[in-house]
Amino acid sequence: MPDSLKNWCREHSRFLVIGGKDFVTNDIYYNTAFVVGTNGEIVFKQAKSVPIQFFHDGLPAPKQEVWNSPWGKIGLCICYDLSYTRVTDELVRQGAQLLIVPTMDVEEWGKHQHELHSRVAPVRAAEYGIPIFRVASSGISQAVNGGGNVVAQTSIGSYGEIFSAQLRLPRQGSIPIDRYLAPLCVGVSGIVTVLLLLLAWRDKRAKSNP
């Protein structure tokens, strides 16, 4: 974390969320989102929960926590973490009222790839009923309200473009009911499959032994 950024936050009394590496050794690190407070010190940090497979993307986060910010509880998830319900569900269970998502969209991606990745945030916001502020290194940055509506965004391939939005934080989010129904449905499907196999086996035996 450069001292220049810490000093800027202190001088301007601003909070700043920034991505970086939290080193364990010279080559081993956590891909981390840091929160710099108005005092110029790091007041919170969250490592990436699910590093990209087969990439040198850091160690998986040992734990997940929410930041008790001056505005409410804020969850931080990094890049593709937003695509994993086991990551975002846990933040909502802990009371997250907003998700901030620093994201690296590869610059060489085509238009359709950028647009496809930008569809994740509105879906997640609508699922949980909480706003999401997603900032992409390239591609489409978005501010999404709790209804899943994009209220501000950047264009593809733009540099230095600024976007902002006022996002209302709900009292709490909620985990979609399908998270609880899915295991039940799998169990019922398994039981039905076993019953059908038993019936088929019984019919086969009955035909072979008239």
N, C-alpha and C. Protein backbone atom coordinates (compact mmCIF):
# COMPACT_ATOMS: atom_id res chain seq x y z
N MET A 1 0.85 -1.19 0.00
CA MET A 1 0.00 0.00 0.00
C MET A 1 0.89 1.24 0.00
N PRO A 2 0.93 2.01 -1.08
CA PRO A 2 1.82 3.17 -1.15
C PRO A 2 1.46 4.21 -0.09
N ASP A 3 2.50 4.82 0.48
CA ASP A 3 2.28 5.87 1.47
C ASP A 3 1.55 7.07 0.86
N SER A 4 1.74 7.28 -0.44
CA SER A 4 1.08 8.43 -1.08
C SER A 4 -0.44 8.31 -1.00
N LEU A 5 -0.97 7.09 -1.13
CA LEU A 5 -2.41 6.89 -1.03
C LEU A 5 -2.89 7.06 0.41
N LYS A 6 -2.11 6.54 1.35
CA LYS A 6 -2.47 6.71 2.76
C LYS A 6 -2.50 8.19 3.13
N ASN A 7 -1.50 8.92 2.66
CA ASN A 7 -1.44 10.36 2.96
C ASN A 7 -2.61 11.10 2.33
N TRP A 8 -3.00 10.68 1.11
CA TRP A 8 -4.12 11.34 0.42
C TRP A 8 -5.41 11.15 1.23
N CYS A 9 -5.64 9.94 1.73
CA CYS A 9 -6.83 9.67 2.53
C CYS A 9 -6.84 10.51 3.80
N ARG A 10 -5.67 10.65 4.41
CA ARG A 10 -5.57 11.43 5.65
C ARG A 10 -5.80 12.92 5.38
N GLU A 11 -5.22 13.41 4.31
CA GLU A 11 -5.33 14.84 3.99
C GLU A 11 -6.74 15.24 3.57
N HIS A 12 -7.44 14.32 2.89
CA HIS A 12 -8.77 14.65 2.36
C HIS A 12 -9.90 14.02 3.17
N SER A 13 -9.56 13.32 4.26
CA SER A 13 -10.57 12.66 5.12
C SER A 13 -11.49 11.77 4.29
N ARG A 14 -10.90 10.88 3.54
CA ARG A 14 -11.66 9.98 2.68
C ARG A 14 -11.29 8.53 2.97
N PHE A 15 -12.29 7.66 2.75
CA PHE A 15 -12.04 6.22 2.77
C PHE A 15 -11.70 5.79 1.34
N LEU A 16 -10.85 4.79 1.21
CA LEU A 16 -10.46 4.29 -0.10
C LEU A 16 -10.36 2.77 -0.07
N VAL A 17 -11.01 2.12 -1.04
CA VAL A 17 -10.89 0.67 -1.21
C VAL A 17 -9.97 0.44 -2.41
N ILE A 18 -8.93 -0.34 -2.20
CA ILE A 18 -7.95 -0.55 -3.26
C ILE A 18 -7.47 -2.00 -3.23
N GLY A 19 -7.22 -2.56 -4.39
CA GLY A 19 -6.73 -3.93 -4.49
C GLY A 19 -5.21 -3.99 -4.45
N GLY A 20 -4.68 -5.09 -3.93
CA GLY A 20 -3.23 -5.25 -3.87
C GLY A 20 -2.87 -6.64 -3.37
N LYS A 21 -1.60 -6.83 -3.10
CA LYS A 21 -1.10 -8.11 -2.62
C LYS A 21 -0.70 -7.99 -1.16
N ASP A 22 -1.17 -8.92 -0.36
CA ASP A 22 -0.79 -9.00 1.05
C ASP A 22 0.21 -10.16 1.15
N PHE A 23 1.50 -9.82 1.16
CA PHE A 23 2.54 -10.83 1.03
C PHE A 23 2.74 -11.63 2.31
N VAL A 24 2.92 -12.94 2.13
CA VAL A 24 3.32 -13.84 3.19
C VAL A 24 4.83 -14.06 3.11
N THR A 25 5.31 -14.34 1.88
CA THR A 25 6.74 -14.37 1.57
C THR A 25 6.93 -13.55 0.30
N ASN A 26 8.12 -13.59 -0.25
CA ASN A 26 8.41 -12.81 -1.46
C ASN A 26 7.57 -13.26 -2.65
N ASP A 27 7.11 -14.52 -2.64
CA ASP A 27 6.39 -15.05 -3.79
C ASP A 27 4.99 -15.54 -3.45
N ILE A 28 4.67 -15.62 -2.17
CA ILE A 28 3.36 -16.12 -1.73
C ILE A 28 2.58 -14.95 -1.13
N TYR A 29 1.33 -14.82 -1.55
CA TYR A 29 0.56 -13.65 -1.11
C TYR A 29 -0.94 -13.97 -1.14
N TYR A 30 -1.71 -13.06 -0.56
CA TYR A 30 -3.17 -13.08 -0.66
C TYR A 30 -3.59 -11.94 -1.60
N ASN A 31 -4.43 -12.26 -2.56
CA ASN A 31 -5.01 -11.23 -3.43
C ASN A 31 -6.06 -10.50 -2.59
N THR A 32 -5.82 -9.25 -2.26
CA THR A 32 -6.54 -8.61 -1.16
C THR A 32 -7.13 -7.25 -1.54
N ALA A 33 -8.30 -6.96 -0.99
CA ALA A 33 -8.88 -5.62 -1.06
C ALA A 33 -8.64 -4.95 0.29
N PHE A 34 -7.97 -3.80 0.26
CA PHE A 34 -7.66 -3.05 1.48
C PHE A 34 -8.59 -1.85 1.59
N VAL A 35 -8.98 -1.51 2.81
CA VAL A 35 -9.73 -0.28 3.07
C VAL A 35 -8.83 0.65 3.87
N VAL A 36 -8.53 1.81 3.29
CA VAL A 36 -7.75 2.82 3.99
C VAL A 36 -8.71 3.82 4.60
N GLY A 37 -8.54 4.10 5.89
CA GLY A 37 -9.45 5.00 6.59
C GLY A 37 -9.04 6.45 6.48
N THR A 38 -9.84 7.30 7.08
CA THR A 38 -9.59 8.74 7.04
C THR A 38 -8.35 9.14 7.84
N ASN A 39 -7.85 8.21 8.65
CA ASN A 39 -6.62 8.47 9.40
C ASN A 39 -5.37 8.04 8.64
N GLY A 40 -5.58 7.52 7.40
CA GLY A 40 -4.45 7.09 6.60
C GLY A 40 -3.95 5.70 6.92
N GLU A 41 -4.67 4.98 7.76
CA GLU A 41 -4.28 3.62 8.13
C GLU A 41 -5.23 2.60 7.51
N ILE A 42 -4.74 1.38 7.35
CA ILE A 42 -5.59 0.29 6.84
C ILE A 42 -6.53 -0.14 7.96
N VAL A 43 -7.83 0.03 7.75
CA VAL A 43 -8.81 -0.27 8.79
C VAL A 43 -9.51 -1.61 8.56
N PHE A 44 -9.35 -2.16 7.36
CA PHE A 44 -10.00 -3.45 7.06
C PHE A 44 -9.35 -4.02 5.82
N LYS A 45 -9.36 -5.35 5.74
CA LYS A 45 -8.89 -5.99 4.51
C LYS A 45 -9.57 -7.35 4.38
N GLN A 46 -9.76 -7.77 3.14
CA GLN A 46 -10.38 -9.06 2.86
C GLN A 46 -9.67 -9.69 1.67
N ALA A 47 -9.18 -10.90 1.86
CA ALA A 47 -8.51 -11.61 0.77
C ALA A 47 -9.52 -12.30 -0.13
N LYS A 48 -9.08 -12.63 -1.32
CA LYS A 48 -9.93 -13.32 -2.29
C LYS A 48 -10.20 -14.74 -1.80
N SER A 49 -11.46 -15.12 -1.79
CA SER A 49 -11.84 -16.42 -1.24
C SER A 49 -11.52 -17.57 -2.18
N VAL A 50 -11.75 -17.36 -3.49
CA VAL A 50 -11.56 -18.43 -4.47
C VAL A 50 -10.60 -17.95 -5.56
N PRO A 51 -9.29 -18.13 -5.38
CA PRO A 51 -8.35 -17.75 -6.44
C PRO A 51 -8.64 -18.52 -7.73
N ILE A 52 -8.31 -17.90 -8.86
CA ILE A 52 -8.56 -18.55 -10.15
C ILE A 52 -7.69 -19.79 -10.28
N GLN A 53 -8.31 -20.90 -10.64
CA GLN A 53 -7.58 -22.15 -10.76
C GLN A 53 -6.51 -22.06 -11.86
N PHE A 54 -5.36 -22.68 -11.59
CA PHE A 54 -4.24 -22.77 -12.54
C PHE A 54 -3.59 -21.41 -12.82
N PHE A 55 -3.90 -20.38 -12.03
CA PHE A 55 -3.27 -19.08 -12.15
C PHE A 55 -2.50 -18.79 -10.86
N HIS A 56 -1.50 -17.93 -10.97
CA HIS A 56 -0.78 -17.47 -9.78
C HIS A 56 -1.58 -16.32 -9.19
N ASP A 57 -2.66 -16.69 -8.48
CA ASP A 57 -3.65 -15.70 -8.03
C ASP A 57 -3.72 -15.59 -6.52
N GLY A 58 -2.69 -16.08 -5.85
CA GLY A 58 -2.65 -15.96 -4.40
C GLY A 58 -3.27 -17.13 -3.67
N LEU A 59 -3.18 -17.08 -2.35
CA LEU A 59 -3.75 -18.10 -1.48
C LEU A 59 -5.23 -17.81 -1.24
N PRO A 60 -6.05 -18.83 -1.00
CA PRO A 60 -7.45 -18.58 -0.65
C PRO A 60 -7.57 -17.93 0.73
N ALA A 61 -8.55 -17.07 0.89
CA ALA A 61 -8.74 -16.36 2.16
C ALA A 61 -8.98 -17.35 3.29
N PRO A 62 -8.29 -17.17 4.42
CA PRO A 62 -8.53 -18.07 5.56
C PRO A 62 -9.88 -17.84 6.23
N LYS A 63 -10.48 -16.65 6.01
CA LYS A 63 -11.77 -16.35 6.62
C LYS A 63 -12.44 -15.21 5.85
N GLN A 64 -13.74 -15.05 6.07
CA GLN A 64 -14.51 -13.94 5.51
C GLN A 64 -15.11 -13.13 6.65
N GLU A 65 -15.04 -11.83 6.50
CA GLU A 65 -15.65 -10.92 7.47
C GLU A 65 -16.26 -9.75 6.73
N VAL A 66 -17.16 -9.04 7.39
CA VAL A 66 -17.71 -7.82 6.82
C VAL A 66 -17.09 -6.62 7.51
N TRP A 67 -17.00 -5.52 6.78
CA TRP A 67 -16.45 -4.28 7.33
C TRP A 67 -17.57 -3.47 7.98
N ASN A 68 -17.43 -3.20 9.25
CA ASN A 68 -18.40 -2.35 9.95
C ASN A 68 -18.06 -0.89 9.67
N SER A 69 -18.51 -0.43 8.52
CA SER A 69 -18.18 0.91 8.05
C SER A 69 -19.08 1.95 8.73
N PRO A 70 -18.79 3.25 8.56
CA PRO A 70 -19.67 4.28 9.13
C PRO A 70 -21.08 4.27 8.56
N TRP A 71 -21.27 3.61 7.40
CA TRP A 71 -22.59 3.60 6.76
C TRP A 71 -23.36 2.31 6.98
N GLY A 72 -22.69 1.30 7.44
CA GLY A 72 -23.31 0.01 7.64
C GLY A 72 -22.32 -1.11 7.37
N LYS A 73 -22.81 -2.33 7.35
CA LYS A 73 -21.94 -3.48 7.13
C LYS A 73 -21.72 -3.68 5.63
N ILE A 74 -20.45 -3.71 5.25
CA ILE A 74 -20.09 -3.83 3.83
C ILE A 74 -19.24 -5.08 3.63
N GLY A 75 -19.63 -5.87 2.64
CA GLY A 75 -18.86 -7.06 2.29
C GLY A 75 -17.97 -6.76 1.09
N LEU A 76 -16.76 -7.28 1.12
CA LEU A 76 -15.83 -7.13 0.01
C LEU A 76 -15.58 -8.50 -0.60
N CYS A 77 -15.81 -8.61 -1.89
CA CYS A 77 -15.42 -9.83 -2.59
C CYS A 77 -14.69 -9.42 -3.87
N ILE A 78 -13.71 -10.19 -4.25
CA ILE A 78 -12.78 -9.78 -5.29
C ILE A 78 -13.05 -10.54 -6.58
N CYS A 79 -13.30 -9.79 -7.62
CA CYS A 79 -13.40 -10.31 -8.99
C CYS A 79 -14.38 -11.48 -9.08
N TYR A 80 -13.87 -12.69 -9.42
CA TYR A 80 -14.76 -13.83 -9.65
C TYR A 80 -15.41 -14.35 -8.37
N ASP A 81 -15.00 -13.84 -7.20
CA ASP A 81 -15.69 -14.23 -5.97
C ASP A 81 -17.19 -13.95 -6.07
N LEU A 82 -17.54 -12.92 -6.84
CA LEU A 82 -18.96 -12.57 -6.99
C LEU A 82 -19.74 -13.67 -7.69
N SER A 83 -19.05 -14.54 -8.43
CA SER A 83 -19.73 -15.60 -9.16
C SER A 83 -19.98 -16.84 -8.32
N TYR A 84 -19.43 -16.87 -7.10
CA TYR A 84 -19.57 -18.05 -6.24
C TYR A 84 -20.56 -17.75 -5.11
N THR A 85 -21.68 -18.45 -5.11
CA THR A 85 -22.69 -18.20 -4.08
C THR A 85 -22.19 -18.54 -2.69
N ARG A 86 -21.27 -19.49 -2.59
CA ARG A 86 -20.75 -19.84 -1.26
C ARG A 86 -19.95 -18.69 -0.66
N VAL A 87 -19.46 -17.79 -1.52
CA VAL A 87 -18.73 -16.61 -1.04
C VAL A 87 -19.72 -15.51 -0.67
N THR A 88 -20.61 -15.17 -1.58
CA THR A 88 -21.54 -14.07 -1.35
C THR A 88 -22.60 -14.43 -0.31
N ASP A 89 -23.03 -15.68 -0.27
CA ASP A 89 -24.00 -16.09 0.75
C ASP A 89 -23.45 -15.85 2.16
N GLU A 90 -22.18 -16.17 2.36
CA GLU A 90 -21.58 -16.01 3.68
C GLU A 90 -21.54 -14.54 4.09
N LEU A 91 -21.24 -13.65 3.16
CA LEU A 91 -21.21 -12.22 3.49
C LEU A 91 -22.61 -11.73 3.89
N VAL A 92 -23.63 -12.21 3.19
CA VAL A 92 -25.00 -11.81 3.51
C VAL A 92 -25.42 -12.40 4.85
N ARG A 93 -25.00 -13.63 5.14
CA ARG A 93 -25.29 -14.24 6.45
C ARG A 93 -24.70 -13.39 7.58
N GLN A 94 -23.56 -12.78 7.31
CA GLN A 94 -22.92 -11.95 8.32
C GLN A 94 -23.51 -10.54 8.38
N GLY A 95 -24.52 -10.29 7.56
CA GLY A 95 -25.23 -9.02 7.65
C GLY A 95 -24.82 -7.95 6.66
N ALA A 96 -24.09 -8.32 5.59
CA ALA A 96 -23.66 -7.34 4.60
C ALA A 96 -24.86 -6.61 4.00
N GLN A 97 -24.79 -5.28 3.99
CA GLN A 97 -25.85 -4.44 3.42
C GLN A 97 -25.45 -3.87 2.06
N LEU A 98 -24.22 -4.09 1.69
CA LEU A 98 -23.66 -3.63 0.41
C LEU A 98 -22.45 -4.48 0.09
N LEU A 99 -22.26 -4.78 -1.19
CA LEU A 99 -21.06 -5.47 -1.64
C LEU A 99 -20.23 -4.52 -2.49
N ILE A 100 -18.94 -4.42 -2.19
CA ILE A 100 -18.00 -3.71 -3.03
C ILE A 100 -17.11 -4.75 -3.69
N VAL A 101 -17.01 -4.68 -5.02
CA VAL A 101 -16.34 -5.74 -5.78
C VAL A 101 -15.27 -5.17 -6.70
N PRO A 102 -14.00 -5.10 -6.25
CA PRO A 102 -12.92 -4.75 -7.18
C PRO A 102 -12.71 -5.92 -8.15
N THR A 103 -12.66 -5.62 -9.44
CA THR A 103 -12.67 -6.66 -10.47
C THR A 103 -11.62 -6.39 -11.54
N MET A 104 -10.92 -7.44 -11.97
CA MET A 104 -10.04 -7.30 -13.12
C MET A 104 -10.65 -8.02 -14.31
N ASP A 105 -11.29 -7.26 -15.19
CA ASP A 105 -11.71 -7.80 -16.48
C ASP A 105 -10.53 -7.66 -17.44
N VAL A 106 -10.18 -8.74 -18.10
CA VAL A 106 -9.02 -8.72 -19.00
C VAL A 106 -9.26 -7.72 -20.14
N GLU A 107 -8.29 -6.87 -20.38
CA GLU A 107 -8.45 -5.81 -21.38
C GLU A 107 -8.69 -6.38 -22.77
N GLU A 108 -8.09 -7.53 -23.07
CA GLU A 108 -8.21 -8.10 -24.41
C GLU A 108 -9.54 -8.80 -24.66
N TRP A 109 -10.38 -8.90 -23.63
CA TRP A 109 -11.69 -9.52 -23.84
C TRP A 109 -12.47 -8.76 -24.91
N GLY A 110 -13.33 -9.48 -25.60
CA GLY A 110 -14.22 -8.84 -26.56
C GLY A 110 -15.43 -8.23 -25.86
N LYS A 111 -16.24 -7.54 -26.64
CA LYS A 111 -17.41 -6.86 -26.10
C LYS A 111 -18.35 -7.82 -25.40
N HIS A 112 -18.59 -8.98 -26.02
CA HIS A 112 -19.56 -9.93 -25.45
C HIS A 112 -19.06 -10.51 -24.13
N GLN A 113 -17.73 -10.71 -23.99
CA GLN A 113 -17.19 -11.23 -22.73
C GLN A 113 -17.37 -10.21 -21.60
N HIS A 114 -17.08 -8.94 -21.91
CA HIS A 114 -17.26 -7.89 -20.90
C HIS A 114 -18.74 -7.78 -20.50
N GLU A 115 -19.62 -7.82 -21.49
CA GLU A 115 -21.05 -7.70 -21.20
C GLU A 115 -21.56 -8.90 -20.40
N LEU A 116 -21.06 -10.09 -20.73
CA LEU A 116 -21.49 -11.28 -20.01
C LEU A 116 -21.08 -11.21 -18.55
N HIS A 117 -19.84 -10.79 -18.28
CA HIS A 117 -19.38 -10.70 -16.89
C HIS A 117 -20.14 -9.61 -16.13
N SER A 118 -20.58 -8.59 -16.83
CA SER A 118 -21.30 -7.49 -16.17
C SER A 118 -22.71 -7.88 -15.77
N ARG A 119 -23.19 -9.04 -16.20
CA ARG A 119 -24.54 -9.47 -15.84
C ARG A 119 -24.60 -10.12 -14.45
N VAL A 120 -23.44 -10.46 -13.91
CA VAL A 120 -23.43 -11.15 -12.62
C VAL A 120 -23.90 -10.23 -11.50
N ALA A 121 -23.40 -9.00 -11.47
CA ALA A 121 -23.73 -8.08 -10.37
C ALA A 121 -25.23 -7.80 -10.25
N PRO A 122 -25.94 -7.47 -11.35
CA PRO A 122 -27.38 -7.26 -11.21
C PRO A 122 -28.13 -8.48 -10.70
N VAL A 123 -27.70 -9.67 -11.11
CA VAL A 123 -28.36 -10.90 -10.64
C VAL A 123 -28.15 -11.07 -9.14
N ARG A 124 -26.91 -10.89 -8.68
CA ARG A 124 -26.62 -11.03 -7.26
C ARG A 124 -27.38 -9.99 -6.43
N ALA A 125 -27.41 -8.75 -6.91
CA ALA A 125 -28.10 -7.69 -6.16
C ALA A 125 -29.58 -8.03 -6.01
N ALA A 126 -30.20 -8.51 -7.09
CA ALA A 126 -31.62 -8.86 -7.04
C ALA A 126 -31.86 -10.06 -6.14
N GLU A 127 -30.93 -11.02 -6.14
CA GLU A 127 -31.06 -12.21 -5.29
C GLU A 127 -31.10 -11.84 -3.81
N TYR A 128 -30.17 -10.99 -3.40
CA TYR A 128 -30.01 -10.67 -1.98
C TYR A 128 -30.78 -9.43 -1.55
N GLY A 129 -31.19 -8.60 -2.50
CA GLY A 129 -31.87 -7.36 -2.15
C GLY A 129 -30.93 -6.31 -1.57
N ILE A 130 -29.65 -6.37 -1.95
CA ILE A 130 -28.68 -5.38 -1.49
C ILE A 130 -27.95 -4.79 -2.69
N PRO A 131 -27.49 -3.54 -2.58
CA PRO A 131 -26.77 -2.91 -3.70
C PRO A 131 -25.36 -3.46 -3.85
N ILE A 132 -24.82 -3.31 -5.05
CA ILE A 132 -23.46 -3.76 -5.35
C ILE A 132 -22.73 -2.66 -6.12
N PHE A 133 -21.52 -2.37 -5.68
CA PHE A 133 -20.67 -1.40 -6.37
C PHE A 133 -19.48 -2.18 -6.92
N ARG A 134 -19.46 -2.36 -8.23
CA ARG A 134 -18.44 -3.20 -8.88
C ARG A 134 -17.54 -2.31 -9.73
N VAL A 135 -16.24 -2.30 -9.42
CA VAL A 135 -15.29 -1.46 -10.13
C VAL A 135 -14.32 -2.35 -10.90
N ALA A 136 -14.36 -2.26 -12.23
CA ALA A 136 -13.55 -3.11 -13.09
C ALA A 136 -12.33 -2.37 -13.61
N SER A 137 -11.21 -3.09 -13.71
CA SER A 137 -9.99 -2.49 -14.23
C SER A 137 -10.15 -2.09 -15.69
N SER A 138 -10.88 -2.88 -16.43
CA SER A 138 -11.31 -2.54 -17.78
C SER A 138 -12.68 -3.17 -17.95
N GLY A 139 -13.37 -2.86 -19.00
CA GLY A 139 -14.72 -3.41 -19.13
C GLY A 139 -15.75 -2.49 -18.52
N ILE A 140 -16.73 -3.04 -17.84
CA ILE A 140 -17.89 -2.29 -17.37
C ILE A 140 -17.91 -2.24 -15.85
N SER A 141 -17.71 -1.06 -15.29
CA SER A 141 -17.91 -0.85 -13.85
C SER A 141 -19.38 -0.48 -13.63
N GLN A 142 -19.93 -0.88 -12.48
CA GLN A 142 -21.37 -0.72 -12.26
C GLN A 142 -21.71 -0.34 -10.83
N ALA A 143 -22.75 0.46 -10.70
CA ALA A 143 -23.42 0.66 -9.43
C ALA A 143 -24.83 0.11 -9.60
N VAL A 144 -25.17 -0.88 -8.79
CA VAL A 144 -26.44 -1.59 -8.94
C VAL A 144 -27.23 -1.46 -7.63
N ASN A 145 -28.50 -1.10 -7.72
CA ASN A 145 -29.29 -0.97 -6.50
C ASN A 145 -29.81 -2.33 -6.04
N GLY A 146 -30.50 -2.34 -4.91
CA GLY A 146 -30.96 -3.59 -4.32
C GLY A 146 -32.02 -4.32 -5.12
N GLY A 147 -32.57 -3.66 -6.13
CA GLY A 147 -33.54 -4.31 -7.00
C GLY A 147 -32.91 -4.94 -8.23
N GLY A 148 -31.59 -4.82 -8.34
CA GLY A 148 -30.90 -5.39 -9.49
C GLY A 148 -30.82 -4.45 -10.68
N ASN A 149 -31.17 -3.17 -10.47
CA ASN A 149 -31.13 -2.19 -11.56
C ASN A 149 -29.81 -1.45 -11.57
N VAL A 150 -29.17 -1.37 -12.74
CA VAL A 150 -27.92 -0.65 -12.89
C VAL A 150 -28.24 0.85 -12.95
N VAL A 151 -27.74 1.60 -11.97
CA VAL A 151 -28.05 3.03 -11.90
C VAL A 151 -26.90 3.88 -12.42
N ALA A 152 -25.72 3.30 -12.56
CA ALA A 152 -24.58 4.02 -13.14
C ALA A 152 -23.57 2.99 -13.61
N GLN A 153 -22.90 3.29 -14.73
CA GLN A 153 -21.89 2.37 -15.23
C GLN A 153 -20.94 3.10 -16.17
N THR A 154 -19.81 2.45 -16.45
CA THR A 154 -18.86 2.98 -17.40
C THR A 154 -19.00 2.23 -18.72
N SER A 155 -18.39 2.75 -19.74
CA SER A 155 -18.40 2.10 -21.05
C SER A 155 -17.20 1.17 -21.18
N ILE A 156 -17.21 0.33 -22.20
CA ILE A 156 -16.12 -0.62 -22.43
C ILE A 156 -14.94 0.11 -23.08
N GLY A 157 -13.74 -0.19 -22.59
CA GLY A 157 -12.54 0.36 -23.20
C GLY A 157 -12.23 1.79 -22.84
N SER A 158 -12.87 2.31 -21.82
CA SER A 158 -12.62 3.70 -21.43
C SER A 158 -11.62 3.74 -20.28
N TYR A 159 -10.77 4.74 -20.29
CA TYR A 159 -9.77 4.91 -19.24
C TYR A 159 -9.97 6.28 -18.58
N GLY A 160 -9.86 6.30 -17.26
CA GLY A 160 -10.04 7.55 -16.54
C GLY A 160 -11.49 7.98 -16.44
N GLU A 161 -12.41 7.11 -16.83
CA GLU A 161 -13.83 7.46 -16.75
C GLU A 161 -14.31 7.34 -15.31
N ILE A 162 -15.04 8.33 -14.85
CA ILE A 162 -15.52 8.38 -13.47
C ILE A 162 -17.02 8.11 -13.44
N PHE A 163 -17.46 7.30 -12.49
CA PHE A 163 -18.90 7.09 -12.31
C PHE A 163 -19.19 7.12 -10.82
N SER A 164 -20.39 7.50 -10.49
CA SER A 164 -20.78 7.58 -9.07
C SER A 164 -22.27 7.33 -8.95
N ALA A 165 -22.69 7.02 -7.74
CA ALA A 165 -24.12 6.77 -7.49
C ALA A 165 -24.38 6.83 -6.00
N GLN A 166 -25.60 7.18 -5.64
CA GLN A 166 -26.05 7.07 -4.26
C GLN A 166 -26.84 5.78 -4.14
N LEU A 167 -26.37 4.90 -3.28
CA LEU A 167 -27.00 3.59 -3.11
C LEU A 167 -27.56 3.48 -1.70
N ARG A 168 -28.83 3.17 -1.64
CA ARG A 168 -29.50 3.05 -0.34
C ARG A 168 -29.25 1.67 0.24
N LEU A 169 -28.73 1.64 1.47
CA LEU A 169 -28.45 0.37 2.13
C LEU A 169 -29.68 -0.11 2.88
N PRO A 170 -30.13 -1.33 2.60
CA PRO A 170 -31.28 -1.87 3.35
C PRO A 170 -30.87 -2.26 4.76
N ARG A 171 -31.85 -2.55 5.59
CA ARG A 171 -31.53 -2.98 6.96
C ARG A 171 -30.78 -4.30 6.94
N GLN A 172 -31.15 -5.17 6.01
CA GLN A 172 -30.44 -6.43 5.86
C GLN A 172 -30.81 -7.06 4.53
N GLY A 173 -29.94 -7.93 4.03
CA GLY A 173 -30.24 -8.68 2.83
C GLY A 173 -30.84 -10.03 3.20
N SER A 174 -31.18 -10.80 2.21
CA SER A 174 -31.74 -12.13 2.45
C SER A 174 -31.19 -13.12 1.43
N ILE A 175 -30.96 -14.32 1.89
CA ILE A 175 -30.44 -15.37 1.02
C ILE A 175 -31.61 -16.01 0.27
N PRO A 176 -31.50 -16.17 -1.05
CA PRO A 176 -32.61 -16.74 -1.83
C PRO A 176 -33.05 -18.11 -1.33
N ILE A 177 -34.33 -18.37 -1.44
CA ILE A 177 -34.90 -19.62 -0.93
C ILE A 177 -34.36 -20.84 -1.67
N ASP A 178 -33.90 -20.64 -2.92
CA ASP A 178 -33.42 -21.80 -3.67
C ASP A 178 -32.15 -22.40 -3.06
N ARG A 179 -31.44 -21.62 -2.23
CA ARG A 179 -30.26 -22.17 -1.56
C ARG A 179 -30.67 -23.30 -0.61
N TYR A 180 -31.89 -23.19 -0.05
CA TYR A 180 -32.37 -24.21 0.87
C TYR A 180 -33.14 -25.31 0.13
N LEU A 181 -33.80 -24.94 -0.96
CA LEU A 181 -34.58 -25.93 -1.71
C LEU A 181 -33.71 -26.85 -2.55
N ALA A 182 -32.55 -26.35 -3.00
CA ALA A 182 -31.70 -27.14 -3.89
C ALA A 182 -31.29 -28.48 -3.27
N PRO A 183 -30.77 -28.50 -2.02
CA PRO A 183 -30.42 -29.81 -1.43
C PRO A 183 -31.63 -30.73 -1.30
N LEU A 184 -32.79 -30.15 -0.95
CA LEU A 184 -34.01 -30.95 -0.83
C LEU A 184 -34.38 -31.56 -2.17
N CYS A 185 -34.30 -30.75 -3.23
CA CYS A 185 -34.65 -31.25 -4.57
C CYS A 185 -33.69 -32.35 -5.02
N VAL A 186 -32.41 -32.18 -4.70
CA VAL A 186 -31.44 -33.22 -5.05
C VAL A 186 -31.75 -34.51 -4.31
N GLY A 187 -32.09 -34.40 -3.03
CA GLY A 187 -32.43 -35.58 -2.25
C GLY A 187 -33.67 -36.29 -2.79
N VAL A 188 -34.72 -35.51 -3.10
CA VAL A 188 -35.95 -36.10 -3.65
C VAL A 188 -35.67 -36.77 -4.99
N SER A 189 -34.86 -36.11 -5.83
CA SER A 189 -34.52 -36.69 -7.14
C SER A 189 -33.77 -38.00 -6.97
N GLY A 190 -32.87 -38.05 -5.97
CA GLY A 190 -32.13 -39.28 -5.71
C GLY A 190 -33.05 -40.41 -5.28
N ILE A 191 -34.02 -40.10 -4.39
CA ILE A 191 -34.96 -41.12 -3.92
C ILE A 191 -35.83 -41.63 -5.07
N VAL A 192 -36.33 -40.72 -5.90
CA VAL A 192 -37.15 -41.11 -7.04
C VAL A 192 -36.35 -41.98 -8.00
N THR A 193 -35.08 -41.63 -8.24
CA THR A 193 -34.24 -42.41 -9.14
C THR A 193 -34.05 -43.83 -8.61
N VAL A 194 -33.79 -43.95 -7.31
CA VAL A 194 -33.62 -45.28 -6.72
C VAL A 194 -34.91 -46.09 -6.83
N LEU A 195 -36.06 -45.47 -6.56
CA LEU A 195 -37.35 -46.18 -6.67
C LEU A 195 -37.60 -46.66 -8.09
N LEU A 196 -37.30 -45.80 -9.07
CA LEU A 196 -37.51 -46.19 -10.48
C LEU A 196 -36.60 -47.35 -10.87
N LEU A 197 -35.37 -47.32 -10.37
CA LEU A 197 -34.45 -48.42 -10.67
C LEU A 197 -34.94 -49.72 -10.03
N LEU A 198 -35.46 -49.63 -8.80
CA LEU A 198 -35.99 -50.83 -8.13
C LEU A 198 -37.20 -51.38 -8.88
N LEU A 199 -38.09 -50.49 -9.33
CA LEU A 199 -39.27 -50.93 -10.08
C LEU A 199 -38.86 -51.57 -11.40
N ALA A 200 -37.87 -50.97 -12.06
CA ALA A 200 -37.41 -51.54 -13.33
C ALA A 200 -36.78 -52.91 -13.11
N TRP A 201 -36.00 -53.03 -12.01
CA TRP A 201 -35.38 -54.32 -11.70
C TRP A 201 -36.44 -55.36 -11.38
N ARG A 202 -37.50 -54.96 -10.63
CA ARG A 202 -38.57 -55.90 -10.28
C ARG A 202 -39.32 -56.35 -11.53
N ASP A 203 -39.60 -55.42 -12.45
CA ASP A 203 -40.31 -55.78 -13.68
C ASP A 203 -39.46 -56.72 -14.53
N LYS A 204 -38.15 -56.46 -14.54
CA LYS A 204 -37.26 -57.32 -15.33
C LYS A 204 -37.24 -58.73 -14.78
N ARG A 205 -37.23 -58.87 -13.44
CA ARG A 205 -37.26 -60.20 -12.81
C ARG A 205 -38.59 -60.90 -13.07
N ALA A 206 -39.68 -60.13 -13.04
CA ALA A 206 -41.00 -60.74 -13.27
C ALA A 206 -41.11 -61.29 -14.69
N LYS A 207 -40.53 -60.59 -15.64
CA LYS A 207 -40.59 -61.05 -17.05
C LYS A 207 -39.69 -62.25 -17.27
N SER A 208 -38.58 -62.33 -16.55
CA SER A 208 -37.64 -63.45 -16.72
C SER A 208 -38.11 -64.68 -15.96
N ASN A 209 -39.04 -64.53 -15.01
CA ASN A 209 -39.57 -65.66 -14.26
C ASN A 209 -41.11 -65.66 -14.32
N PRO A 210 -41.65 -66.04 -15.48
CA PRO A 210 -43.13 -66.00 -15.61
C PRO A 210 -43.78 -67.08 -14.73
